[in-house]
Amino acid sequence: MKIERAVAADAGEILTLQRAAYVSEAQLYGDPYIPPLVESLEQVRKAVETGVVLKAVDAGRIVGAVRGQVAGTTCLVGRLVVAPDRQGQGLGTALLAALHEQIPEAGAFDLFTGHLSEGNLRLYRRLGYRETRRERMDDHLTLIHLRRSPA
């Protein structure tokens, strides 16, 4: 497996992967309209063209991806996705580590996840992310915001 920068031509495969990966989150929160599931191909293509999007490729198949968007001295991390059949194999860890290396100028990395997403929270905490705040979105969703500052 190798991790490299995504290009605009990868947008369709990344969107397909993203939808597959986020179905479990939609089920967890009882909401089929979460942003990763309703994002358009054009929005994914724009993210690839304007930010840092890394992809994990294994035997020609994109099996994971993560986005980073630099805002000032902070990298906003988004859409960490791993193919459902490849989850639990360290791809999320490898993708985040690669993103940290790709943007060394970032003074901090910020991300968020839902309060019921225990696997995500365990991963982020293991990689040095610490909770900074909680944001109640509605009755069924509270976002937990986390930050990783350089050691």
N, C-alpha and C. Protein backbone atom coordinates (compact mmCIF):
# COMPACT_ATOMS: atom_id res chain seq x y z
N MET A 1 0.83 -1.18 0.00
CA MET A 1 0.00 0.00 0.00
C MET A 1 0.88 1.25 0.00
N LYS A 2 0.44 2.27 -0.72
CA LYS A 2 1.19 3.53 -0.71
C LYS A 2 0.22 4.69 -0.49
N ILE A 3 0.74 5.74 0.13
CA ILE A 3 -0.04 6.96 0.37
C ILE A 3 0.57 8.06 -0.45
N GLU A 4 -0.28 8.75 -1.21
CA GLU A 4 0.19 9.83 -2.09
C GLU A 4 -0.89 10.88 -2.24
N ARG A 5 -0.51 12.00 -2.85
CA ARG A 5 -1.48 13.07 -3.11
C ARG A 5 -2.51 12.61 -4.13
N ALA A 6 -3.75 12.94 -3.87
CA ALA A 6 -4.82 12.66 -4.83
C ALA A 6 -4.78 13.73 -5.91
N VAL A 7 -5.31 13.38 -7.08
CA VAL A 7 -5.46 14.32 -8.18
C VAL A 7 -6.94 14.40 -8.54
N ALA A 8 -7.31 15.41 -9.32
CA ALA A 8 -8.72 15.64 -9.64
C ALA A 8 -9.39 14.40 -10.22
N ALA A 9 -8.66 13.62 -11.00
CA ALA A 9 -9.23 12.42 -11.61
C ALA A 9 -9.62 11.36 -10.57
N ASP A 10 -9.12 11.49 -9.34
CA ASP A 10 -9.46 10.54 -8.27
C ASP A 10 -10.78 10.88 -7.58
N ALA A 11 -11.35 12.04 -7.86
CA ALA A 11 -12.51 12.53 -7.11
C ALA A 11 -13.67 11.54 -7.11
N GLY A 12 -13.98 10.93 -8.24
CA GLY A 12 -15.10 10.00 -8.30
C GLY A 12 -14.89 8.78 -7.42
N GLU A 13 -13.70 8.21 -7.46
CA GLU A 13 -13.42 7.03 -6.63
C GLU A 13 -13.39 7.41 -5.15
N ILE A 14 -12.86 8.59 -4.84
CA ILE A 14 -12.85 9.05 -3.44
C ILE A 14 -14.28 9.27 -2.95
N LEU A 15 -15.13 9.85 -3.78
CA LEU A 15 -16.52 10.07 -3.38
C LEU A 15 -17.23 8.74 -3.13
N THR A 16 -17.01 7.76 -3.98
CA THR A 16 -17.61 6.44 -3.80
C THR A 16 -17.13 5.82 -2.48
N LEU A 17 -15.84 5.90 -2.24
CA LEU A 17 -15.26 5.38 -1.00
C LEU A 17 -15.85 6.11 0.21
N GLN A 18 -15.94 7.42 0.11
CA GLN A 18 -16.46 8.24 1.19
C GLN A 18 -17.90 7.83 1.54
N ARG A 19 -18.72 7.63 0.53
CA ARG A 19 -20.10 7.23 0.77
C ARG A 19 -20.16 5.86 1.43
N ALA A 20 -19.32 4.93 0.98
CA ALA A 20 -19.30 3.60 1.59
C ALA A 20 -18.86 3.67 3.05
N ALA A 21 -17.85 4.50 3.31
CA ALA A 21 -17.29 4.59 4.66
C ALA A 21 -18.23 5.29 5.64
N TYR A 22 -19.03 6.23 5.16
CA TYR A 22 -19.88 7.00 6.07
C TYR A 22 -21.27 6.42 6.28
N VAL A 23 -21.61 5.34 5.60
CA VAL A 23 -22.93 4.72 5.82
C VAL A 23 -23.10 4.33 7.28
N SER A 24 -22.05 3.76 7.88
CA SER A 24 -22.15 3.34 9.28
C SER A 24 -22.36 4.53 10.21
N GLU A 25 -21.76 5.67 9.89
CA GLU A 25 -21.97 6.88 10.69
C GLU A 25 -23.42 7.36 10.55
N ALA A 26 -23.93 7.34 9.34
CA ALA A 26 -25.32 7.75 9.11
C ALA A 26 -26.27 6.85 9.91
N GLN A 27 -26.00 5.56 9.93
CA GLN A 27 -26.83 4.63 10.68
C GLN A 27 -26.70 4.88 12.18
N LEU A 28 -25.51 5.15 12.64
CA LEU A 28 -25.26 5.41 14.06
C LEU A 28 -26.06 6.60 14.57
N TYR A 29 -26.17 7.63 13.74
CA TYR A 29 -26.86 8.86 14.13
C TYR A 29 -28.29 8.93 13.60
N GLY A 30 -28.71 7.92 12.84
CA GLY A 30 -30.07 7.92 12.30
C GLY A 30 -30.32 9.06 11.34
N ASP A 31 -29.29 9.44 10.56
CA ASP A 31 -29.40 10.58 9.65
C ASP A 31 -28.73 10.26 8.32
N PRO A 32 -29.52 9.95 7.29
CA PRO A 32 -28.93 9.63 5.98
C PRO A 32 -28.42 10.85 5.21
N TYR A 33 -28.58 12.04 5.78
CA TYR A 33 -28.20 13.26 5.07
C TYR A 33 -26.98 13.95 5.68
N ILE A 34 -26.11 13.17 6.30
CA ILE A 34 -24.90 13.79 6.85
C ILE A 34 -24.06 14.32 5.68
N PRO A 35 -23.32 15.41 5.88
CA PRO A 35 -22.60 16.05 4.77
C PRO A 35 -21.74 15.13 3.91
N PRO A 36 -21.00 14.17 4.48
CA PRO A 36 -20.19 13.31 3.59
C PRO A 36 -21.01 12.47 2.62
N LEU A 37 -22.27 12.23 2.95
CA LEU A 37 -23.11 11.41 2.07
C LEU A 37 -23.84 12.22 1.01
N VAL A 38 -23.91 13.52 1.20
CA VAL A 38 -24.62 14.35 0.21
C VAL A 38 -23.68 15.26 -0.56
N GLU A 39 -22.39 15.16 -0.28
CA GLU A 39 -21.40 15.96 -1.00
C GLU A 39 -21.40 15.55 -2.48
N SER A 40 -21.21 16.52 -3.34
CA SER A 40 -21.23 16.25 -4.78
C SER A 40 -19.82 15.93 -5.30
N LEU A 41 -19.79 15.35 -6.48
CA LEU A 41 -18.52 15.06 -7.14
C LEU A 41 -17.74 16.35 -7.34
N GLU A 42 -18.41 17.42 -7.72
CA GLU A 42 -17.72 18.70 -7.94
C GLU A 42 -17.11 19.21 -6.63
N GLN A 43 -17.79 19.03 -5.51
CA GLN A 43 -17.25 19.47 -4.22
C GLN A 43 -16.00 18.67 -3.85
N VAL A 44 -16.01 17.38 -4.13
CA VAL A 44 -14.83 16.56 -3.85
C VAL A 44 -13.69 16.97 -4.77
N ARG A 45 -13.98 17.18 -6.04
CA ARG A 45 -12.95 17.62 -6.99
C ARG A 45 -12.34 18.94 -6.53
N LYS A 46 -13.16 19.86 -6.07
CA LYS A 46 -12.65 21.15 -5.61
C LYS A 46 -11.76 20.98 -4.38
N ALA A 47 -12.14 20.08 -3.48
CA ALA A 47 -11.31 19.82 -2.30
C ALA A 47 -9.94 19.30 -2.70
N VAL A 48 -9.92 18.41 -3.70
CA VAL A 48 -8.66 17.86 -4.19
C VAL A 48 -7.79 18.97 -4.80
N GLU A 49 -8.42 19.87 -5.52
CA GLU A 49 -7.68 20.93 -6.23
C GLU A 49 -7.23 22.07 -5.33
N THR A 50 -7.92 22.30 -4.21
CA THR A 50 -7.61 23.47 -3.38
C THR A 50 -6.96 23.14 -2.04
N GLY A 51 -6.97 21.88 -1.65
CA GLY A 51 -6.38 21.50 -0.37
C GLY A 51 -5.39 20.37 -0.56
N VAL A 52 -5.07 19.73 0.53
CA VAL A 52 -4.21 18.56 0.50
C VAL A 52 -5.13 17.36 0.71
N VAL A 53 -5.24 16.52 -0.30
CA VAL A 53 -6.01 15.29 -0.17
C VAL A 53 -5.05 14.13 -0.44
N LEU A 54 -4.92 13.28 0.56
CA LEU A 54 -4.06 12.11 0.43
C LEU A 54 -4.92 10.88 0.21
N LYS A 55 -4.41 9.96 -0.57
CA LYS A 55 -5.12 8.70 -0.82
C LYS A 55 -4.21 7.54 -0.50
N ALA A 56 -4.81 6.48 0.03
CA ALA A 56 -4.09 5.23 0.26
C ALA A 56 -4.50 4.30 -0.87
N VAL A 57 -3.51 3.81 -1.61
CA VAL A 57 -3.77 2.96 -2.78
C VAL A 57 -3.16 1.58 -2.55
N ASP A 58 -3.97 0.57 -2.77
CA ASP A 58 -3.52 -0.81 -2.64
C ASP A 58 -3.97 -1.58 -3.87
N ALA A 59 -3.03 -2.10 -4.62
CA ALA A 59 -3.32 -2.87 -5.85
C ALA A 59 -4.21 -2.08 -6.80
N GLY A 60 -3.93 -0.77 -6.93
CA GLY A 60 -4.65 0.07 -7.87
C GLY A 60 -5.99 0.59 -7.37
N ARG A 61 -6.38 0.21 -6.17
CA ARG A 61 -7.66 0.62 -5.59
C ARG A 61 -7.43 1.64 -4.49
N ILE A 62 -8.20 2.73 -4.49
CA ILE A 62 -8.13 3.69 -3.39
C ILE A 62 -8.90 3.09 -2.21
N VAL A 63 -8.19 2.85 -1.11
CA VAL A 63 -8.80 2.20 0.05
C VAL A 63 -8.93 3.15 1.24
N GLY A 64 -8.45 4.38 1.08
CA GLY A 64 -8.55 5.36 2.15
C GLY A 64 -8.20 6.73 1.62
N ALA A 65 -8.65 7.76 2.35
CA ALA A 65 -8.33 9.13 1.98
C ALA A 65 -8.51 10.03 3.20
N VAL A 66 -7.85 11.17 3.15
CA VAL A 66 -8.01 12.19 4.18
C VAL A 66 -7.75 13.55 3.54
N ARG A 67 -8.42 14.56 4.08
CA ARG A 67 -8.25 15.93 3.57
C ARG A 67 -7.60 16.82 4.62
N GLY A 68 -6.83 17.77 4.15
CA GLY A 68 -6.28 18.80 5.01
C GLY A 68 -6.41 20.14 4.31
N GLN A 69 -6.89 21.12 5.03
CA GLN A 69 -7.02 22.47 4.48
C GLN A 69 -6.34 23.42 5.45
N VAL A 70 -5.30 24.10 5.00
CA VAL A 70 -4.56 25.01 5.87
C VAL A 70 -5.29 26.35 5.95
N ALA A 71 -5.51 26.78 7.20
CA ALA A 71 -6.14 28.07 7.48
C ALA A 71 -5.25 28.76 8.51
N GLY A 72 -4.47 29.73 8.04
CA GLY A 72 -3.51 30.38 8.94
C GLY A 72 -2.42 29.38 9.31
N THR A 73 -2.27 29.11 10.61
CA THR A 73 -1.26 28.15 11.05
C THR A 73 -1.88 26.82 11.46
N THR A 74 -3.16 26.64 11.15
CA THR A 74 -3.87 25.44 11.53
C THR A 74 -4.27 24.65 10.29
N CYS A 75 -4.16 23.33 10.39
CA CYS A 75 -4.65 22.45 9.33
C CYS A 75 -5.98 21.87 9.80
N LEU A 76 -7.01 22.13 9.02
CA LEU A 76 -8.33 21.56 9.31
C LEU A 76 -8.41 20.21 8.63
N VAL A 77 -8.53 19.16 9.42
CA VAL A 77 -8.57 17.78 8.93
C VAL A 77 -10.02 17.39 8.69
N GLY A 78 -10.25 16.77 7.55
CA GLY A 78 -11.62 16.35 7.27
C GLY A 78 -11.69 15.08 6.45
N ARG A 79 -12.85 14.45 6.53
CA ARG A 79 -13.19 13.32 5.67
C ARG A 79 -12.13 12.21 5.68
N LEU A 80 -11.71 11.81 6.87
CA LEU A 80 -10.84 10.64 6.97
C LEU A 80 -11.73 9.43 6.69
N VAL A 81 -11.44 8.74 5.61
CA VAL A 81 -12.27 7.60 5.21
C VAL A 81 -11.40 6.38 4.90
N VAL A 82 -11.92 5.23 5.30
CA VAL A 82 -11.26 3.95 5.01
C VAL A 82 -12.34 3.02 4.50
N ALA A 83 -12.02 2.28 3.44
CA ALA A 83 -12.98 1.32 2.88
C ALA A 83 -13.47 0.39 3.99
N PRO A 84 -14.77 0.11 4.02
CA PRO A 84 -15.31 -0.75 5.09
C PRO A 84 -14.57 -2.08 5.24
N ASP A 85 -14.14 -2.68 4.14
CA ASP A 85 -13.44 -3.97 4.23
C ASP A 85 -11.99 -3.84 4.65
N ARG A 86 -11.51 -2.62 4.84
CA ARG A 86 -10.12 -2.39 5.25
C ARG A 86 -10.02 -1.69 6.60
N GLN A 87 -11.14 -1.44 7.26
CA GLN A 87 -11.11 -0.77 8.56
C GLN A 87 -10.47 -1.67 9.61
N GLY A 88 -9.81 -1.05 10.57
CA GLY A 88 -9.15 -1.79 11.64
C GLY A 88 -7.79 -2.34 11.28
N GLN A 89 -7.24 -1.89 10.14
CA GLN A 89 -5.93 -2.39 9.69
C GLN A 89 -4.84 -1.32 9.74
N GLY A 90 -5.12 -0.20 10.39
CA GLY A 90 -4.11 0.85 10.54
C GLY A 90 -4.08 1.89 9.43
N LEU A 91 -5.03 1.83 8.50
CA LEU A 91 -5.01 2.80 7.40
C LEU A 91 -5.32 4.22 7.88
N GLY A 92 -6.27 4.35 8.79
CA GLY A 92 -6.60 5.68 9.31
C GLY A 92 -5.40 6.31 10.00
N THR A 93 -4.72 5.51 10.80
CA THR A 93 -3.51 5.98 11.48
C THR A 93 -2.45 6.40 10.47
N ALA A 94 -2.24 5.57 9.44
CA ALA A 94 -1.22 5.88 8.43
C ALA A 94 -1.58 7.14 7.65
N LEU A 95 -2.85 7.30 7.32
CA LEU A 95 -3.27 8.49 6.57
C LEU A 95 -3.08 9.76 7.40
N LEU A 96 -3.47 9.73 8.67
CA LEU A 96 -3.29 10.93 9.51
C LEU A 96 -1.82 11.23 9.72
N ALA A 97 -1.01 10.21 9.94
CA ALA A 97 0.43 10.43 10.11
C ALA A 97 1.03 11.05 8.85
N ALA A 98 0.60 10.57 7.68
CA ALA A 98 1.09 11.12 6.42
C ALA A 98 0.65 12.57 6.25
N LEU A 99 -0.57 12.88 6.67
CA LEU A 99 -1.05 14.27 6.57
C LEU A 99 -0.22 15.17 7.49
N HIS A 100 0.06 14.71 8.69
CA HIS A 100 0.90 15.49 9.62
C HIS A 100 2.26 15.77 8.99
N GLU A 101 2.84 14.78 8.32
CA GLU A 101 4.14 14.95 7.68
C GLU A 101 4.06 15.86 6.46
N GLN A 102 2.96 15.80 5.74
CA GLN A 102 2.78 16.57 4.50
C GLN A 102 2.67 18.07 4.77
N ILE A 103 2.20 18.43 5.97
CA ILE A 103 1.97 19.84 6.28
C ILE A 103 2.75 20.19 7.56
N PRO A 104 4.07 20.17 7.50
CA PRO A 104 4.88 20.40 8.70
C PRO A 104 4.76 21.83 9.25
N GLU A 105 4.33 22.75 8.40
CA GLU A 105 4.22 24.14 8.84
C GLU A 105 3.00 24.39 9.74
N ALA A 106 2.10 23.43 9.82
CA ALA A 106 0.90 23.61 10.64
C ALA A 106 1.26 23.64 12.12
N GLY A 107 0.78 24.65 12.80
CA GLY A 107 1.00 24.75 14.24
C GLY A 107 0.06 23.85 15.02
N ALA A 108 -1.03 23.44 14.37
CA ALA A 108 -1.99 22.55 15.01
C ALA A 108 -2.84 21.90 13.93
N PHE A 109 -3.41 20.76 14.28
CA PHE A 109 -4.35 20.05 13.41
C PHE A 109 -5.67 19.95 14.15
N ASP A 110 -6.73 20.45 13.54
CA ASP A 110 -8.06 20.42 14.15
C ASP A 110 -8.99 19.51 13.37
N LEU A 111 -9.84 18.79 14.09
CA LEU A 111 -10.86 17.96 13.45
C LEU A 111 -12.03 17.82 14.39
N PHE A 112 -13.10 17.19 13.89
CA PHE A 112 -14.25 16.92 14.76
C PHE A 112 -14.89 15.61 14.33
N THR A 113 -15.61 15.04 15.27
CA THR A 113 -16.37 13.82 15.01
C THR A 113 -17.58 13.82 15.92
N GLY A 114 -18.51 12.95 15.64
CA GLY A 114 -19.71 12.87 16.45
C GLY A 114 -19.45 12.18 17.78
N HIS A 115 -20.28 12.50 18.76
CA HIS A 115 -20.08 12.00 20.12
C HIS A 115 -20.27 10.49 20.25
N LEU A 116 -20.96 9.85 19.33
CA LEU A 116 -21.18 8.40 19.38
C LEU A 116 -20.10 7.61 18.63
N SER A 117 -19.21 8.30 17.96
CA SER A 117 -18.20 7.65 17.11
C SER A 117 -16.98 7.25 17.93
N GLU A 118 -17.17 6.23 18.77
CA GLU A 118 -16.13 5.81 19.72
C GLU A 118 -14.84 5.37 19.04
N GLY A 119 -14.94 4.65 17.93
CA GLY A 119 -13.73 4.21 17.23
C GLY A 119 -12.91 5.39 16.73
N ASN A 120 -13.59 6.38 16.18
CA ASN A 120 -12.91 7.60 15.72
C ASN A 120 -12.23 8.31 16.89
N LEU A 121 -12.96 8.45 17.98
CA LEU A 121 -12.41 9.15 19.15
C LEU A 121 -11.18 8.43 19.69
N ARG A 122 -11.23 7.10 19.74
CA ARG A 122 -10.06 6.33 20.21
C ARG A 122 -8.86 6.57 19.30
N LEU A 123 -9.08 6.53 17.99
CA LEU A 123 -8.00 6.76 17.03
C LEU A 123 -7.39 8.14 17.23
N TYR A 124 -8.22 9.16 17.26
CA TYR A 124 -7.71 10.53 17.37
C TYR A 124 -6.96 10.74 18.68
N ARG A 125 -7.49 10.22 19.77
CA ARG A 125 -6.81 10.39 21.06
C ARG A 125 -5.47 9.65 21.06
N ARG A 126 -5.43 8.46 20.46
CA ARG A 126 -4.19 7.70 20.39
C ARG A 126 -3.12 8.47 19.60
N LEU A 127 -3.55 9.29 18.64
CA LEU A 127 -2.60 10.05 17.82
C LEU A 127 -2.31 11.44 18.39
N GLY A 128 -2.72 11.69 19.62
CA GLY A 128 -2.36 12.93 20.30
C GLY A 128 -3.38 14.05 20.19
N TYR A 129 -4.54 13.78 19.66
CA TYR A 129 -5.60 14.80 19.60
C TYR A 129 -6.28 14.88 20.96
N ARG A 130 -6.57 16.11 21.38
CA ARG A 130 -7.22 16.34 22.67
C ARG A 130 -8.49 17.17 22.44
N GLU A 131 -9.52 16.84 23.18
CA GLU A 131 -10.80 17.53 23.04
C GLU A 131 -10.65 19.00 23.43
N THR A 132 -11.21 19.87 22.58
CA THR A 132 -11.17 21.31 22.87
C THR A 132 -12.55 21.86 23.21
N ARG A 133 -13.59 21.27 22.62
CA ARG A 133 -14.95 21.72 22.93
C ARG A 133 -15.97 20.76 22.34
N ARG A 134 -17.21 20.94 22.80
CA ARG A 134 -18.34 20.17 22.26
C ARG A 134 -19.36 21.14 21.71
N GLU A 135 -19.97 20.74 20.62
CA GLU A 135 -20.94 21.61 19.94
C GLU A 135 -22.21 20.80 19.68
N ARG A 136 -23.27 21.13 20.39
CA ARG A 136 -24.53 20.41 20.22
C ARG A 136 -25.20 20.89 18.93
N MET A 137 -25.39 19.95 18.01
CA MET A 137 -25.99 20.30 16.71
C MET A 137 -27.50 20.14 16.75
N ASP A 138 -27.98 19.08 17.40
CA ASP A 138 -29.41 18.84 17.59
C ASP A 138 -29.55 17.71 18.61
N ASP A 139 -30.76 17.19 18.75
CA ASP A 139 -31.01 16.18 19.78
C ASP A 139 -30.16 14.93 19.63
N HIS A 140 -29.82 14.56 18.40
CA HIS A 140 -29.10 13.30 18.19
C HIS A 140 -27.62 13.46 17.86
N LEU A 141 -27.11 14.69 17.85
CA LEU A 141 -25.71 14.87 17.47
C LEU A 141 -25.03 16.00 18.23
N THR A 142 -23.94 15.63 18.87
CA THR A 142 -23.02 16.60 19.46
C THR A 142 -21.67 16.37 18.80
N LEU A 143 -21.09 17.42 18.24
CA LEU A 143 -19.76 17.31 17.63
C LEU A 143 -18.70 17.51 18.71
N ILE A 144 -17.71 16.65 18.69
CA ILE A 144 -16.56 16.79 19.59
C ILE A 144 -15.40 17.30 18.75
N HIS A 145 -14.92 18.48 19.09
CA HIS A 145 -13.80 19.11 18.39
C HIS A 145 -12.52 18.73 19.11
N LEU A 146 -11.51 18.34 18.32
CA LEU A 146 -10.22 17.93 18.89
C LEU A 146 -9.09 18.65 18.17
N ARG A 147 -7.97 18.78 18.88
CA ARG A 147 -6.79 19.45 18.33
C ARG A 147 -5.54 18.66 18.68
N ARG A 148 -4.64 18.62 17.71
CA ARG A 148 -3.31 18.03 17.93
C ARG A 148 -2.30 19.13 17.70
N SER A 149 -1.52 19.41 18.72
CA SER A 149 -0.45 20.41 18.59
C SER A 149 0.87 19.67 18.49
N PRO A 150 1.82 20.24 17.77
CA PRO A 150 3.12 19.56 17.62
C PRO A 150 3.78 19.35 18.96
N ALA A 151 4.54 18.27 19.05
CA ALA A 151 5.23 17.94 20.31
C ALA A 151 6.39 18.89 20.54
